[in-house]
C-alpha atoms as a PDB file:
ATOM      1  CA  MET A   1      -3.825 -30.475  35.121  1.00  0.00           C
ATOM      2  CA  SER A   2      -4.043 -27.441  36.831  1.00  0.00           C
ATOM      3  CA  GLU A   3      -7.189 -26.070  39.637  1.00  0.00           C
ATOM      4  CA  PRO A   4      -9.795 -24.831  38.000  1.00  0.00           C
ATOM      5  CA  VAL A   5     -10.003 -20.904  39.209  1.00  0.00           C
ATOM      6  CA  ALA A   6     -12.807 -19.214  40.856  1.00  0.00           C
ATOM      7  CA  VAL A   7     -14.473 -16.015  39.125  1.00  0.00           C
ATOM      8  CA  PRO A   8     -16.264 -13.858  41.779  1.00  0.00           C
ATOM      9  CA  MET A   9     -19.532 -13.344  40.398  1.00  0.00           C
ATOM     10  CA  LEU A  10     -20.292  -9.266  39.431  1.00  0.00           C
ATOM     11  CA  LYS A  11     -22.070  -7.548  41.690  1.00  0.00           C
ATOM     12  CA  ARG A  12     -25.739  -6.957  39.669  1.00  0.00           C
ATOM     13  CA  LYS A  13     -27.383  -3.441  39.853  1.00  0.00           C
ATOM     14  CA  CYS A  14     -30.490  -3.163  41.271  1.00  0.00           C
ATOM     15  CA  PRO A  15     -33.765  -2.877  38.899  1.00  0.00           C
ATOM     16  CA  ILE A  16     -35.441  -0.232  40.737  1.00  0.00           C
ATOM     17  CA  CYS A  17     -32.508   1.994  41.554  1.00  0.00           C
ATOM     18  CA  GLY A  18     -29.312   1.048  40.010  1.00  0.00           C
ATOM     19  CA  LYS A  19     -27.155   0.288  43.690  1.00  0.00           C
ATOM     20  CA  PRO A  20     -25.518  -2.986  44.368  1.00  0.00           C
ATOM     21  CA  SER A  21     -28.238  -5.814  45.273  1.00  0.00           C
ATOM     22  CA  VAL A  22     -28.141  -7.616  48.274  1.00  0.00           C
ATOM     23  CA  GLU A  23     -27.789 -11.319  48.978  1.00  0.00           C
ATOM     24  CA  ALA A  24     -30.954 -11.743  51.600  1.00  0.00           C
ATOM     25  CA  THR A  25     -33.508  -8.883  48.716  1.00  0.00           C
ATOM     26  CA  LYS A  26     -31.686 -10.105  45.615  1.00  0.00           C
ATOM     27  CA  PRO A  27     -32.316  -8.398  42.659  1.00  0.00           C
ATOM     28  CA  PHE A  28     -32.727  -5.909  44.953  1.00  0.00           C
ATOM     29  CA  CYS A  29     -31.170  -3.245  46.524  1.00  0.00           C
ATOM     30  CA  SER A  30     -33.440  -3.585  49.604  1.00  0.00           C
ATOM     31  CA  LYS A  31     -37.366  -4.751  50.186  1.00  0.00           C
ATOM     32  CA  ARG A  32     -37.882  -0.983  49.711  1.00  0.00           C
ATOM     33  CA  CYS A  33     -37.533  -1.861  46.123  1.00  0.00           C
ATOM     34  CA  ALA A  34     -38.302  -5.678  46.038  1.00  0.00           C
ATOM     35  CA  ASP A  35     -42.200  -3.426  47.257  1.00  0.00           C
ATOM     36  CA  VAL A  36     -41.718  -0.895  44.430  1.00  0.00           C
ATOM     37  CA  ASP A  37     -41.353  -3.850  41.871  1.00  0.00           C
ATOM     38  CA  LEU A  38     -44.473  -5.921  43.244  1.00  0.00           C
ATOM     39  CA  SER A  39     -45.774  -2.617  43.274  1.00  0.00           C
ATOM     40  CA  ARG A  40     -45.347  -1.994  39.229  1.00  0.00           C
ATOM     41  CA  TRP A  41     -46.164  -5.645  38.932  1.00  0.00           C
ATOM     42  CA  LEU A  42     -49.884  -5.170  40.370  1.00  0.00           C
ATOM     43  CA  LYS A  43     -50.669  -2.395  38.560  1.00  0.00           C
ATOM     44  CA  GLY A  44     -50.173  -3.596  34.822  1.00  0.00           C
ATOM     45  CA  VAL A  45     -47.371  -1.050  34.769  1.00  0.00           C
ATOM     46  CA  TYR A  46     -45.147  -4.068  32.937  1.00  0.00           C
ATOM     47  CA  ALA A  47     -47.276  -5.622  29.411  1.00  0.00           C
ATOM     48  CA  ILE A  48     -46.214  -6.888  26.879  1.00  0.00           C
ATOM     49  CA  PRO A  49     -48.289  -4.698  24.443  1.00  0.00           C
ATOM     50  CA  ALA A  50     -50.250  -7.441  21.846  1.00  0.00           C
ATOM     51  CA  ALA A  51     -50.972  -5.839  18.267  1.00  0.00           C
ATOM     52  CA  GLU A  52     -54.846  -6.468  17.969  1.00  0.00           C
ATOM     53  CA  ASN A  53     -55.705  -8.439  14.610  1.00  0.00           C
ATOM     54  CA  ASP A  54     -58.848  -7.054  13.210  1.00  0.00           C
ATOM     55  CA  GLU A  55     -58.688 -10.716  10.179  1.00  0.00           C
ATOM     56  CA  THR A  56     -60.616 -13.525  11.848  1.00  0.00           C
ATOM     57  CA  ASP A  57     -58.069 -16.184  12.090  1.00  0.00           C
ATOM     58  CA  GLN A  58     -59.657 -18.987   9.415  1.00  0.00           C
ATOM     59  CA  ASP A  59     -57.009 -21.228   9.710  1.00  0.00           C
ATOM     60  CA  ASP A  60     -57.631 -22.567  13.106  1.00  0.00           C
ATOM     61  CA  PRO A  61     -59.770 -25.543  13.659  1.00  0.00           C
ATOM     62  CA  PHE A  62     -61.034 -25.024  16.692  1.00  0.00           C
ATOM     63  CA  ASN A  63     -62.741 -21.215  15.035  1.00  0.00           C
ATOM     64  CA  ALA A  64     -64.323 -23.191  12.261  1.00  0.00           C
ATOM     65  CA  GLU A  65     -67.766 -24.237  11.488  1.00  0.00           C
ATOM     66  CA  ARG A  66     -67.643 -28.126  11.217  1.00  0.00           C
ATOM     67  CA  ASP A  67     -68.768 -29.828   8.734  1.00  0.00           C
ATOM     68  CA  LEU A  68     -71.206 -32.466  10.706  1.00  0.00           C
END
């Protein structure tokens, strides 16, 4: 049986500026880009949009009135 061949890891690009990432600040290329990303998280720039539901949740057992 042959020995497994080591496949080199592909260098990922920094999600902020596109430069190659550095091991010390992975996945970013520098502390500055890591701080920019943290700032965006803290300011709420990264957010998942939610659709507003105008109807009341009648199927939700926690919102339904209980017949006691």
